[in-house]
Amino acid sequence: MSKRTASADVFEQVQDTETEAAPATDLSVAADADADAAEVTEADAAAGTPESAGATSKRRVGLAALVCALLFAVLVAALGFLGWRQYEQYRVNAASDAALQAAKDYAVVLTTLDAKNIDENYRKSLDGATGEFKDAYSQGANQLRQVLIDNKASGTGIVVAAAVKSATPDKVEVLLFVDQSITNANNPSPRIDRNRIDMTMERSGDRWLASKVDIL
């Protein structure tokens, strides 16, 4: 073999070696790039995880705060309603007590009379009345006044029992059982009349007045 042929063979072997080495180098570079990209992706994912967790936590806190606010609003409304109901019941109870006592006192006024003091009896009766009953009583009293005087009539009323039938803060209906002892010139011995009276009392300022009186 000649020197020229040997040199050519050696040159060709070097080229083949370089050619084979180039793809390997390219593969190594590509692998390194992929590894770097993977590291970057993992880093980005690792960096994004706390932010995502933080956002989720904030949403949960906001939802919990909203639920607490709604529950608080419902509780306040319920307490307000119960407070209002208790206050209204207190007003009704107070009205019932006051109107019941006023009705009992007025029943005695209506059923107690004396021909000698008939004008004073009527004045007291009118003072405790209101509305339609006051008008009706005024007309009836004027018609009966002279009859009572001529017969020297007198009467005394006693409330045997009384109870509230219905009540609101401004209007109360009362049922009363009243015994009335009556005498006159023709019958000096007392006669007992047992009456049941349905009386409606209405608030007028700080007083309770009879607006309706029915003998049952």
N, C-alpha and C. Protein backbone atom coordinates (compact mmCIF):
# COMPACT_ATOMS: atom_id res chain seq x y z
N MET A 1 0.87 -1.19 0.00
CA MET A 1 0.00 0.00 0.00
C MET A 1 0.90 1.22 0.00
N SER A 2 0.51 2.28 -0.74
CA SER A 2 1.31 3.48 -0.82
C SER A 2 1.00 4.42 0.30
N LYS A 3 1.83 5.38 0.56
CA LYS A 3 1.62 6.37 1.62
C LYS A 3 0.39 7.18 1.34
N ARG A 4 0.09 7.49 0.07
CA ARG A 4 -1.08 8.32 -0.26
C ARG A 4 -2.35 7.60 0.08
N THR A 5 -2.37 6.30 -0.19
CA THR A 5 -3.55 5.51 0.11
C THR A 5 -3.76 5.42 1.59
N ALA A 6 -2.70 5.25 2.34
CA ALA A 6 -2.80 5.18 3.82
C ALA A 6 -3.28 6.49 4.38
N SER A 7 -2.83 7.59 3.84
CA SER A 7 -3.25 8.91 4.34
C SER A 7 -4.72 9.13 4.07
N ALA A 8 -5.18 8.69 2.92
CA ALA A 8 -6.59 8.86 2.59
C ALA A 8 -7.46 8.05 3.50
N ASP A 9 -7.03 6.89 3.83
CA ASP A 9 -7.82 6.05 4.74
C ASP A 9 -7.92 6.69 6.10
N VAL A 10 -6.83 7.23 6.55
CA VAL A 10 -6.85 7.88 7.87
C VAL A 10 -7.77 9.07 7.86
N PHE A 11 -7.76 9.87 6.80
CA PHE A 11 -8.63 11.05 6.68
C PHE A 11 -10.09 10.67 6.69
N GLU A 12 -10.38 9.59 5.98
CA GLU A 12 -11.76 9.13 5.93
C GLU A 12 -12.22 8.65 7.29
N GLN A 13 -11.36 7.99 8.05
CA GLN A 13 -11.72 7.52 9.39
C GLN A 13 -12.00 8.70 10.32
N VAL A 14 -11.22 9.77 10.20
CA VAL A 14 -11.44 10.96 11.04
C VAL A 14 -12.77 11.59 10.74
N GLN A 15 -13.09 11.66 9.41
CA GLN A 15 -14.39 12.24 9.02
C GLN A 15 -15.54 11.41 9.55
N ASP A 16 -15.37 10.07 9.44
CA ASP A 16 -16.44 9.19 9.95
C ASP A 16 -16.63 9.38 11.44
N THR A 17 -15.50 9.53 12.15
CA THR A 17 -15.58 9.71 13.60
C THR A 17 -16.29 11.00 13.95
N GLU A 18 -15.97 12.10 13.19
CA GLU A 18 -16.61 13.39 13.45
C GLU A 18 -18.09 13.33 13.14
N THR A 19 -18.38 12.58 12.01
CA THR A 19 -19.78 12.47 11.62
C THR A 19 -20.57 11.72 12.67
N GLU A 20 -20.02 10.67 13.23
CA GLU A 20 -20.71 9.91 14.26
C GLU A 20 -20.81 10.69 15.56
N ALA A 21 -19.78 11.49 15.83
CA ALA A 21 -19.78 12.25 17.10
C ALA A 21 -20.79 13.38 17.07
N ALA A 22 -21.08 13.96 15.90
CA ALA A 22 -21.99 15.10 15.80
C ALA A 22 -23.39 14.77 16.24
N PRO A 23 -23.98 13.65 15.77
CA PRO A 23 -25.34 13.32 16.24
C PRO A 23 -25.39 13.08 17.72
N ALA A 24 -24.35 12.48 18.25
CA ALA A 24 -24.33 12.21 19.70
C ALA A 24 -24.34 13.50 20.47
N THR A 25 -23.56 14.45 19.94
CA THR A 25 -23.52 15.76 20.61
C THR A 25 -24.87 16.43 20.56
N ASP A 26 -25.50 16.36 19.37
CA ASP A 26 -26.83 16.96 19.22
C ASP A 26 -27.82 16.33 20.16
N LEU A 27 -27.78 15.00 20.31
CA LEU A 27 -28.69 14.31 21.21
C LEU A 27 -28.48 14.74 22.65
N SER A 28 -27.17 14.91 23.01
CA SER A 28 -26.86 15.34 24.38
C SER A 28 -27.41 16.73 24.66
N VAL A 29 -27.25 17.63 23.67
CA VAL A 29 -27.75 19.00 23.83
C VAL A 29 -29.27 19.01 23.95
N ALA A 30 -29.91 18.18 23.10
CA ALA A 30 -31.38 18.10 23.16
C ALA A 30 -31.84 17.57 24.49
N ALA A 31 -31.12 16.55 24.98
CA ALA A 31 -31.49 15.98 26.27
C ALA A 31 -31.35 17.01 27.38
N ASP A 32 -30.25 17.77 27.31
CA ASP A 32 -30.04 18.81 28.32
C ASP A 32 -31.15 19.86 28.25
N ALA A 33 -31.57 20.21 27.02
CA ALA A 33 -32.63 21.21 26.86
C ALA A 33 -33.94 20.70 27.42
N ASP A 34 -34.21 19.41 27.15
CA ASP A 34 -35.45 18.84 27.70
C ASP A 34 -35.43 18.83 29.21
N ALA A 35 -34.26 18.49 29.76
CA ALA A 35 -34.14 18.45 31.23
C ALA A 35 -34.34 19.84 31.82
N ASP A 36 -33.75 20.84 31.14
CA ASP A 36 -33.92 22.21 31.64
C ASP A 36 -35.39 22.63 31.57
N ALA A 37 -36.04 22.26 30.45
CA ALA A 37 -37.46 22.61 30.30
C ALA A 37 -38.30 21.94 31.38
N ALA A 38 -37.98 20.69 31.67
CA ALA A 38 -38.71 19.97 32.71
C ALA A 38 -38.51 20.62 34.06
N GLU A 39 -37.24 21.05 34.30
CA GLU A 39 -36.98 21.70 35.58
C GLU A 39 -37.74 23.01 35.69
N VAL A 40 -37.78 23.75 34.55
CA VAL A 40 -38.51 25.02 34.55
C VAL A 40 -40.00 24.79 34.80
N THR A 41 -40.55 23.74 34.13
CA THR A 41 -41.97 23.42 34.31
C THR A 41 -42.27 23.04 35.75
N GLU A 42 -41.42 22.20 36.32
CA GLU A 42 -41.60 21.81 37.72
C GLU A 42 -41.50 23.01 38.64
N ALA A 43 -40.54 23.90 38.31
CA ALA A 43 -40.37 25.10 39.15
C ALA A 43 -41.58 25.99 39.07
N ASP A 44 -42.08 26.13 37.79
CA ASP A 44 -43.29 26.95 37.63
C ASP A 44 -44.47 26.34 38.37
N ALA A 45 -44.58 25.02 38.29
CA ALA A 45 -45.68 24.34 38.98
C ALA A 45 -45.54 24.51 40.48
N ALA A 46 -44.28 24.36 40.93
CA ALA A 46 -44.06 24.52 42.38
C ALA A 46 -44.36 25.94 42.83
N ALA A 47 -43.99 26.89 41.95
CA ALA A 47 -44.25 28.28 42.30
C ALA A 47 -45.74 28.60 42.25
N GLY A 48 -46.49 27.94 41.33
CA GLY A 48 -47.93 28.22 41.20
C GLY A 48 -48.77 27.55 42.24
N THR A 49 -48.33 26.49 42.87
CA THR A 49 -49.12 25.75 43.85
C THR A 49 -49.51 26.59 45.05
N PRO A 50 -48.61 27.33 45.69
CA PRO A 50 -49.01 28.16 46.84
C PRO A 50 -50.05 29.20 46.47
N GLU A 51 -49.90 29.80 45.24
CA GLU A 51 -50.87 30.81 44.84
C GLU A 51 -52.25 30.20 44.68
N SER A 52 -52.30 29.00 44.06
CA SER A 52 -53.59 28.33 43.88
C SER A 52 -54.20 27.96 45.23
N ALA A 53 -53.37 27.44 46.13
CA ALA A 53 -53.86 27.09 47.46
C ALA A 53 -54.34 28.32 48.22
N GLY A 54 -53.61 29.43 48.03
CA GLY A 54 -54.01 30.66 48.71
C GLY A 54 -55.35 31.17 48.20
N ALA A 55 -55.55 31.09 46.89
CA ALA A 55 -56.83 31.54 46.32
C ALA A 55 -57.98 30.68 46.82
N THR A 56 -57.76 29.37 46.86
CA THR A 56 -58.80 28.46 47.36
C THR A 56 -59.13 28.75 48.81
N SER A 57 -58.07 29.00 49.59
CA SER A 57 -58.28 29.30 51.02
C SER A 57 -59.08 30.58 51.19
N LYS A 58 -58.78 31.60 50.36
CA LYS A 58 -59.51 32.87 50.44
C LYS A 58 -60.98 32.68 50.09
N ARG A 59 -61.22 31.86 49.06
CA ARG A 59 -62.61 31.61 48.68
C ARG A 59 -63.37 30.92 49.80
N ARG A 60 -62.73 29.97 50.46
CA ARG A 60 -63.38 29.27 51.57
C ARG A 60 -63.66 30.22 52.73
N VAL A 61 -62.69 31.08 53.02
CA VAL A 61 -62.89 32.05 54.10
C VAL A 61 -64.02 33.00 53.76
N GLY A 62 -64.07 33.45 52.50
CA GLY A 62 -65.14 34.36 52.09
C GLY A 62 -66.51 33.69 52.18
N LEU A 63 -66.59 32.42 51.77
CA LEU A 63 -67.86 31.69 51.85
C LEU A 63 -68.30 31.50 53.29
N ALA A 64 -67.32 31.17 54.16
CA ALA A 64 -67.65 30.99 55.57
C ALA A 64 -68.14 32.30 56.18
N ALA A 65 -67.50 33.41 55.80
CA ALA A 65 -67.92 34.72 56.32
C ALA A 65 -69.33 35.06 55.86
N LEU A 66 -69.65 34.73 54.59
CA LEU A 66 -70.99 34.99 54.07
C LEU A 66 -72.04 34.18 54.81
N VAL A 67 -71.74 32.90 55.04
CA VAL A 67 -72.68 32.04 55.78
C VAL A 67 -72.89 32.57 57.19
N CYS A 68 -71.82 32.98 57.85
CA CYS A 68 -71.93 33.52 59.21
C CYS A 68 -72.77 34.80 59.22
N ALA A 69 -72.57 35.64 58.21
CA ALA A 69 -73.34 36.89 58.13
C ALA A 69 -74.83 36.59 57.95
N LEU A 70 -75.14 35.62 57.08
CA LEU A 70 -76.54 35.25 56.86
C LEU A 70 -77.16 34.68 58.13
N LEU A 71 -76.43 33.81 58.81
CA LEU A 71 -76.94 33.23 60.05
C LEU A 71 -77.16 34.31 61.10
N PHE A 72 -76.25 35.27 61.16
CA PHE A 72 -76.39 36.36 62.12
C PHE A 72 -77.62 37.21 61.81
N ALA A 73 -77.82 37.48 60.50
CA ALA A 73 -78.98 38.27 60.10
C ALA A 73 -80.29 37.55 60.47
N VAL A 74 -80.32 36.23 60.22
CA VAL A 74 -81.51 35.45 60.57
C VAL A 74 -81.73 35.46 62.08
N LEU A 75 -80.65 35.34 62.84
CA LEU A 75 -80.77 35.34 64.30
C LEU A 75 -81.29 36.67 64.81
N VAL A 76 -80.75 37.75 64.26
CA VAL A 76 -81.21 39.09 64.68
C VAL A 76 -82.68 39.29 64.35
N ALA A 77 -83.08 38.84 63.13
CA ALA A 77 -84.49 38.97 62.74
C ALA A 77 -85.40 38.15 63.66
N ALA A 78 -84.96 36.94 63.99
CA ALA A 78 -85.77 36.08 64.87
C ALA A 78 -85.90 36.70 66.25
N LEU A 79 -84.79 37.21 66.77
CA LEU A 79 -84.83 37.84 68.10
C LEU A 79 -85.71 39.09 68.08
N GLY A 80 -85.62 39.84 66.98
CA GLY A 80 -86.46 41.03 66.86
C GLY A 80 -87.94 40.68 66.83
N PHE A 81 -88.28 39.62 66.08
CA PHE A 81 -89.68 39.20 66.00
C PHE A 81 -90.18 38.72 67.35
N LEU A 82 -89.36 37.92 68.04
CA LEU A 82 -89.76 37.43 69.36
C LEU A 82 -89.91 38.58 70.34
N GLY A 83 -89.00 39.55 70.24
CA GLY A 83 -89.10 40.72 71.12
C GLY A 83 -90.36 41.51 70.87
N TRP A 84 -90.69 41.66 69.57
CA TRP A 84 -91.92 42.38 69.23
C TRP A 84 -93.15 41.64 69.74
N ARG A 85 -93.15 40.30 69.57
CA ARG A 85 -94.28 39.51 70.05
C ARG A 85 -94.45 39.62 71.55
N GLN A 86 -93.34 39.57 72.27
CA GLN A 86 -93.41 39.68 73.72
C GLN A 86 -93.92 41.06 74.14
N TYR A 87 -93.47 42.10 73.42
CA TYR A 87 -93.93 43.45 73.74
C TYR A 87 -95.42 43.61 73.47
N GLU A 88 -95.87 43.06 72.32
CA GLU A 88 -97.29 43.12 72.01
C GLU A 88 -98.12 42.35 73.04
N GLN A 89 -97.61 41.19 73.47
CA GLN A 89 -98.33 40.42 74.48
C GLN A 89 -98.38 41.18 75.80
N TYR A 90 -97.29 41.87 76.12
CA TYR A 90 -97.27 42.69 77.33
C TYR A 90 -98.32 43.80 77.25
N ARG A 91 -98.43 44.43 76.08
CA ARG A 91 -99.42 45.49 75.90
C ARG A 91 -100.84 44.95 76.04
N VAL A 92 -101.08 43.77 75.45
CA VAL A 92 -102.41 43.16 75.53
C VAL A 92 -102.74 42.81 76.98
N ASN A 93 -101.78 42.23 77.68
CA ASN A 93 -102.02 41.87 79.08
C ASN A 93 -102.29 43.11 79.94
N ALA A 94 -101.52 44.16 79.71
CA ALA A 94 -101.73 45.39 80.48
C ALA A 94 -103.09 45.99 80.16
N ALA A 95 -103.47 45.97 78.87
CA ALA A 95 -104.78 46.49 78.48
C ALA A 95 -105.90 45.66 79.09
N SER A 96 -105.74 44.34 79.11
CA SER A 96 -106.77 43.47 79.68
C SER A 96 -107.00 43.76 81.16
N ASP A 97 -105.91 43.91 81.89
CA ASP A 97 -106.03 44.17 83.32
C ASP A 97 -106.71 45.51 83.58
N ALA A 98 -106.26 46.55 82.86
CA ALA A 98 -106.82 47.88 83.09
C ALA A 98 -108.28 47.95 82.65
N ALA A 99 -108.60 47.39 81.48
CA ALA A 99 -109.97 47.44 80.98
C ALA A 99 -110.92 46.60 81.83
N LEU A 100 -110.44 45.46 82.32
CA LEU A 100 -111.28 44.62 83.18
C LEU A 100 -111.68 45.36 84.45
N GLN A 101 -110.72 46.00 85.06
CA GLN A 101 -111.04 46.75 86.28
C GLN A 101 -111.97 47.92 85.98
N ALA A 102 -111.73 48.61 84.87
CA ALA A 102 -112.60 49.73 84.49
C ALA A 102 -114.01 49.25 84.21
N ALA A 103 -114.15 48.11 83.57
CA ALA A 103 -115.48 47.56 83.26
C ALA A 103 -116.22 47.18 84.54
N LYS A 104 -115.53 46.59 85.48
CA LYS A 104 -116.16 46.22 86.76
C LYS A 104 -116.63 47.46 87.50
N ASP A 105 -115.80 48.47 87.52
CA ASP A 105 -116.20 49.71 88.20
C ASP A 105 -117.38 50.37 87.50
N TYR A 106 -117.37 50.34 86.16
CA TYR A 106 -118.44 50.99 85.42
C TYR A 106 -119.75 50.22 85.53
N ALA A 107 -119.67 48.90 85.61
CA ALA A 107 -120.88 48.11 85.79
C ALA A 107 -121.58 48.47 87.10
N VAL A 108 -120.80 48.72 88.13
CA VAL A 108 -121.38 49.14 89.42
C VAL A 108 -122.04 50.51 89.27
N VAL A 109 -121.39 51.42 88.51
CA VAL A 109 -121.97 52.75 88.29
C VAL A 109 -123.30 52.65 87.55
N LEU A 110 -123.35 51.79 86.53
CA LEU A 110 -124.57 51.66 85.74
C LEU A 110 -125.74 51.07 86.53
N THR A 111 -125.45 50.16 87.42
CA THR A 111 -126.52 49.45 88.13
C THR A 111 -126.80 50.01 89.53
N THR A 112 -126.12 51.07 89.86
CA THR A 112 -126.37 51.71 91.16
C THR A 112 -126.98 53.09 90.93
N LEU A 113 -128.15 53.30 91.47
CA LEU A 113 -128.82 54.59 91.29
C LEU A 113 -129.73 54.89 92.48
N ASP A 114 -130.02 56.16 92.61
CA ASP A 114 -130.92 56.62 93.69
C ASP A 114 -131.72 57.79 93.14
N ALA A 115 -133.05 57.68 93.25
CA ALA A 115 -133.91 58.74 92.71
C ALA A 115 -133.58 60.10 93.31
N LYS A 116 -133.06 60.11 94.51
CA LYS A 116 -132.72 61.38 95.17
C LYS A 116 -131.47 62.02 94.55
N ASN A 117 -130.61 61.21 93.94
CA ASN A 117 -129.36 61.71 93.33
C ASN A 117 -129.26 61.26 91.87
N ILE A 118 -130.41 61.24 91.20
CA ILE A 118 -130.44 60.67 89.86
C ILE A 118 -129.55 61.42 88.88
N ASP A 119 -129.45 62.74 89.02
CA ASP A 119 -128.63 63.52 88.10
C ASP A 119 -127.14 63.19 88.27
N GLU A 120 -126.72 63.00 89.51
CA GLU A 120 -125.33 62.63 89.77
C GLU A 120 -125.05 61.23 89.23
N ASN A 121 -126.00 60.31 89.38
CA ASN A 121 -125.85 58.96 88.84
C ASN A 121 -125.69 59.00 87.31
N TYR A 122 -126.51 59.80 86.67
CA TYR A 122 -126.43 59.90 85.22
C TYR A 122 -125.11 60.55 84.78
N ARG A 123 -124.69 61.54 85.53
CA ARG A 123 -123.44 62.22 85.17
C ARG A 123 -122.27 61.24 85.20
N LYS A 124 -122.21 60.40 86.24
CA LYS A 124 -121.14 59.41 86.34
C LYS A 124 -121.24 58.37 85.22
N SER A 125 -122.48 58.00 84.90
CA SER A 125 -122.66 57.01 83.83
C SER A 125 -122.20 57.56 82.49
N LEU A 126 -122.54 58.81 82.20
CA LEU A 126 -122.12 59.42 80.94
C LEU A 126 -120.61 59.65 80.90
N ASP A 127 -120.03 59.93 82.05
CA ASP A 127 -118.59 60.18 82.10
C ASP A 127 -117.77 58.93 81.75
N GLY A 128 -118.34 57.76 82.02
CA GLY A 128 -117.62 56.52 81.74
C GLY A 128 -117.96 55.90 80.40
N ALA A 129 -118.76 56.63 79.58
CA ALA A 129 -119.19 56.09 78.29
C ALA A 129 -118.56 56.85 77.14
N THR A 130 -118.64 56.22 75.95
CA THR A 130 -118.12 56.86 74.74
C THR A 130 -118.84 56.30 73.52
N GLY A 131 -118.75 57.02 72.42
CA GLY A 131 -119.29 56.52 71.16
C GLY A 131 -120.80 56.34 71.15
N GLU A 132 -121.23 55.29 70.48
CA GLU A 132 -122.65 55.02 70.31
C GLU A 132 -123.35 54.76 71.64
N PHE A 133 -122.69 54.08 72.55
CA PHE A 133 -123.35 53.80 73.81
C PHE A 133 -123.63 55.08 74.58
N LYS A 134 -122.72 56.02 74.52
CA LYS A 134 -122.93 57.29 75.22
C LYS A 134 -124.15 58.02 74.66
N ASP A 135 -124.26 57.99 73.34
CA ASP A 135 -125.42 58.65 72.71
C ASP A 135 -126.73 57.94 73.10
N ALA A 136 -126.72 56.62 73.04
CA ALA A 136 -127.93 55.85 73.37
C ALA A 136 -128.31 56.04 74.84
N TYR A 137 -127.31 56.06 75.72
CA TYR A 137 -127.60 56.20 77.15
C TYR A 137 -128.18 57.59 77.44
N SER A 138 -127.67 58.60 76.77
CA SER A 138 -128.18 59.97 76.99
C SER A 138 -129.66 60.06 76.64
N GLN A 139 -130.03 59.45 75.51
CA GLN A 139 -131.44 59.49 75.11
C GLN A 139 -132.32 58.71 76.07
N GLY A 140 -131.88 57.50 76.46
CA GLY A 140 -132.69 56.68 77.36
C GLY A 140 -132.81 57.29 78.75
N ALA A 141 -131.73 57.88 79.25
CA ALA A 141 -131.74 58.46 80.59
C ALA A 141 -132.73 59.62 80.68
N ASN A 142 -132.79 60.41 79.63
CA ASN A 142 -133.72 61.54 79.65
C ASN A 142 -135.17 61.05 79.69
N GLN A 143 -135.46 59.95 79.06
CA GLN A 143 -136.81 59.41 79.05
C GLN A 143 -137.19 58.77 80.38
N LEU A 144 -136.21 58.11 81.05
CA LEU A 144 -136.51 57.38 82.28
C LEU A 144 -136.34 58.21 83.55
N ARG A 145 -135.73 59.37 83.42
CA ARG A 145 -135.40 60.16 84.62
C ARG A 145 -136.63 60.43 85.47
N GLN A 146 -137.68 60.95 84.89
CA GLN A 146 -138.86 61.32 85.68
C GLN A 146 -139.58 60.10 86.22
N VAL A 147 -139.59 58.98 85.46
CA VAL A 147 -140.22 57.75 85.93
C VAL A 147 -139.54 57.25 87.19
N LEU A 148 -138.22 57.27 87.20
CA LEU A 148 -137.47 56.80 88.37
C LEU A 148 -137.74 57.71 89.58
N ILE A 149 -137.83 59.00 89.32
CA ILE A 149 -138.09 59.93 90.42
C ILE A 149 -139.49 59.70 90.99
N ASP A 150 -140.47 59.54 90.11
CA ASP A 150 -141.85 59.36 90.57
C ASP A 150 -142.00 58.07 91.36
N ASN A 151 -141.30 57.03 90.99
CA ASN A 151 -141.42 55.74 91.67
C ASN A 151 -140.43 55.59 92.82
N LYS A 152 -139.65 56.63 93.06
CA LYS A 152 -138.65 56.59 94.14
C LYS A 152 -137.80 55.32 94.05
N ALA A 153 -137.34 55.07 92.85
CA ALA A 153 -136.58 53.84 92.61
C ALA A 153 -135.12 54.01 93.05
N SER A 154 -134.56 52.90 93.45
CA SER A 154 -133.13 52.87 93.81
C SER A 154 -132.59 51.47 93.50
N GLY A 155 -131.33 51.41 93.29
CA GLY A 155 -130.72 50.11 93.00
C GLY A 155 -129.24 50.11 93.38
N THR A 156 -128.76 48.94 93.71
CA THR A 156 -127.35 48.77 94.06
C THR A 156 -126.80 47.56 93.33
N GLY A 157 -125.73 47.77 92.59
CA GLY A 157 -125.15 46.69 91.81
C GLY A 157 -123.88 46.13 92.43
N ILE A 158 -123.70 44.83 92.29
CA ILE A 158 -122.50 44.14 92.76
C ILE A 158 -122.00 43.22 91.65
N VAL A 159 -120.74 43.33 91.30
CA VAL A 159 -120.15 42.45 90.29
C VAL A 159 -119.78 41.12 90.96
N VAL A 160 -120.43 40.08 90.51
CA VAL A 160 -120.18 38.75 91.08
C VAL A 160 -118.96 38.10 90.42
N ALA A 161 -118.84 38.26 89.11
CA ALA A 161 -117.71 37.68 88.38
C ALA A 161 -117.52 38.46 87.09
N ALA A 162 -116.29 38.44 86.59
CA ALA A 162 -115.99 39.13 85.34
C ALA A 162 -114.75 38.51 84.71
N ALA A 163 -114.73 38.52 83.39
CA ALA A 163 -113.59 37.94 82.67
C ALA A 163 -113.47 38.61 81.31
N VAL A 164 -112.25 38.62 80.79
CA VAL A 164 -111.97 39.19 79.47
C VAL A 164 -112.29 38.16 78.40
N LYS A 165 -113.10 38.54 77.41
CA LYS A 165 -113.42 37.65 76.29
C LYS A 165 -112.40 37.78 75.16
N SER A 166 -112.03 39.00 74.85
CA SER A 166 -111.04 39.24 73.81
C SER A 166 -110.36 40.57 74.10
N ALA A 167 -109.15 40.72 73.57
CA ALA A 167 -108.41 41.94 73.89
C ALA A 167 -107.39 42.28 72.82
N THR A 168 -107.24 43.57 72.60
CA THR A 168 -106.15 44.15 71.83
C THR A 168 -105.58 45.27 72.71
N PRO A 169 -104.47 45.86 72.31
CA PRO A 169 -103.94 46.95 73.14
C PRO A 169 -104.88 48.12 73.34
N ASP A 170 -105.87 48.31 72.44
CA ASP A 170 -106.75 49.47 72.52
C ASP A 170 -108.23 49.15 72.67
N LYS A 171 -108.58 47.85 72.65
CA LYS A 171 -110.00 47.48 72.74
C LYS A 171 -110.13 46.14 73.44
N VAL A 172 -111.01 46.09 74.44
CA VAL A 172 -111.16 44.88 75.25
C VAL A 172 -112.65 44.60 75.45
N GLU A 173 -113.05 43.35 75.24
CA GLU A 173 -114.43 42.93 75.48
C GLU A 173 -114.49 42.13 76.78
N VAL A 174 -115.42 42.51 77.64
CA VAL A 174 -115.50 41.91 78.98
C VAL A 174 -116.91 41.36 79.21
N LEU A 175 -116.97 40.18 79.80
CA LEU A 175 -118.25 39.59 80.20
C LEU A 175 -118.36 39.69 81.72
N LEU A 176 -119.49 40.25 82.18
CA LEU A 176 -119.68 40.47 83.62
C LEU A 176 -120.99 39.82 84.09
N PHE A 177 -120.96 39.31 85.32
CA PHE A 177 -122.15 38.83 86.01
C PHE A 177 -122.41 39.79 87.16
N VAL A 178 -123.56 40.47 87.09
CA VAL A 178 -123.87 41.53 88.05
C VAL A 178 -125.21 41.26 88.72
N ASP A 179 -125.21 41.30 90.03
CA ASP A 179 -126.46 41.22 90.81
C ASP A 179 -126.87 42.64 91.19
N GLN A 180 -128.14 42.96 90.91
CA GLN A 180 -128.66 44.29 91.22
C GLN A 180 -129.84 44.19 92.18
N SER A 181 -129.71 44.85 93.30
CA SER A 181 -130.79 44.91 94.29
C SER A 181 -131.63 46.16 94.02
N ILE A 182 -132.94 45.96 93.76
CA ILE A 182 -133.80 47.06 93.34
C ILE A 182 -134.97 47.23 94.32
N THR A 183 -135.24 48.48 94.63
CA THR A 183 -136.43 48.81 95.45
C THR A 183 -137.13 50.01 94.81
N ASN A 184 -138.44 50.13 95.09
CA ASN A 184 -139.19 51.31 94.66
C ASN A 184 -140.36 51.52 95.61
N ALA A 185 -141.16 52.52 95.34
CA ALA A 185 -142.26 52.87 96.25
C ALA A 185 -143.27 51.74 96.35
N ASN A 186 -143.51 51.01 95.30
CA ASN A 186 -144.47 49.92 95.32
C ASN A 186 -143.90 48.64 95.91
N ASN A 187 -142.60 48.45 95.83
CA ASN A 187 -141.95 47.24 96.35
C ASN A 187 -140.74 47.63 97.20
N PRO A 188 -140.99 47.98 98.45
CA PRO A 188 -139.89 48.40 99.32
C PRO A 188 -138.92 47.28 99.64
N SER A 189 -139.36 46.04 99.52
CA SER A 189 -138.45 44.91 99.77
C SER A 189 -137.53 44.73 98.56
N PRO A 190 -136.25 44.57 98.79
CA PRO A 190 -135.29 44.45 97.67
C PRO A 190 -135.59 43.24 96.79
N ARG A 191 -135.49 43.48 95.51
CA ARG A 191 -135.60 42.40 94.53
C ARG A 191 -134.25 42.27 93.82
N ILE A 192 -133.79 41.03 93.70
CA ILE A 192 -132.46 40.80 93.10
C ILE A 192 -132.62 40.42 91.63
N ASP A 193 -132.02 41.23 90.82
CA ASP A 193 -131.94 40.91 89.39
C ASP A 193 -130.52 40.45 89.07
N ARG A 194 -130.43 39.29 88.44
CA ARG A 194 -129.11 38.75 88.07
C ARG A 194 -128.90 39.02 86.58
N ASN A 195 -127.91 39.79 86.29
CA ASN A 195 -127.68 40.24 84.92
C ASN A 195 -126.33 39.73 84.38
N ARG A 196 -126.37 39.42 83.10
CA ARG A 196 -125.12 39.15 82.38
C ARG A 196 -124.92 40.30 81.41
N ILE A 197 -123.77 40.91 81.48
CA ILE A 197 -123.50 42.10 80.67
C ILE A 197 -122.26 41.88 79.82
N ASP A 198 -122.40 42.13 78.53
CA ASP A 198 -121.27 42.10 77.61
C ASP A 198 -120.87 43.55 77.35
N MET A 199 -119.67 43.92 77.80
CA MET A 199 -119.25 45.32 77.75
C MET A 199 -117.95 45.44 76.95
N THR A 200 -117.96 46.36 75.99
CA THR A 200 -116.75 46.63 75.21
C THR A 200 -116.12 47.92 75.71
N MET A 201 -114.84 47.82 76.08
CA MET A 201 -114.10 48.97 76.59
C MET A 201 -113.07 49.41 75.56
N GLU A 202 -113.00 50.73 75.36
CA GLU A 202 -112.02 51.28 74.42
C GLU A 202 -111.13 52.29 75.14
N ARG A 203 -109.85 52.26 74.73
CA ARG A 203 -108.89 53.19 75.33
C ARG A 203 -109.16 54.60 74.82
N SER A 204 -109.19 55.56 75.74
CA SER A 204 -109.33 56.96 75.39
C SER A 204 -108.31 57.75 76.22
N GLY A 205 -107.16 58.00 75.61
CA GLY A 205 -106.09 58.62 76.39
C GLY A 205 -105.57 57.62 77.42
N ASP A 206 -105.63 58.02 78.69
CA ASP A 206 -105.20 57.12 79.77
C ASP A 206 -106.39 56.47 80.47
N ARG A 207 -107.59 56.54 79.85
CA ARG A 207 -108.78 55.97 80.46
C ARG A 207 -109.36 54.89 79.56
N TRP A 208 -110.20 54.04 80.19
CA TRP A 208 -110.95 53.02 79.45
C TRP A 208 -112.43 53.33 79.61
N LEU A 209 -113.11 53.53 78.45
CA LEU A 209 -114.51 53.93 78.46
C LEU A 209 -115.34 52.87 77.75
N ALA A 210 -116.60 52.76 78.17
CA ALA A 210 -117.51 51.77 77.58
C ALA A 210 -118.08 52.30 76.27
N SER A 211 -117.83 51.56 75.19
CA SER A 211 -118.37 51.97 73.89
C SER A 211 -119.57 51.12 73.49
N LYS A 212 -119.77 50.01 74.19
CA LYS A 212 -120.91 49.14 73.89
C LYS A 212 -121.26 48.36 75.13
N VAL A 213 -122.56 48.31 75.46
CA VAL A 213 -123.05 47.56 76.63
C VAL A 213 -124.32 46.81 76.22
N ASP A 214 -124.25 45.48 76.33
CA ASP A 214 -125.39 44.65 75.99
C ASP A 214 -125.78 43.81 77.21
N ILE A 215 -127.08 43.81 77.53
CA ILE A 215 -127.60 42.95 78.57
C ILE A 215 -127.97 41.63 77.91
N LEU A 216 -127.36 40.54 78.34
CA LEU A 216 -127.58 39.22 77.72
C LEU A 216 -128.75 38.49 78.38
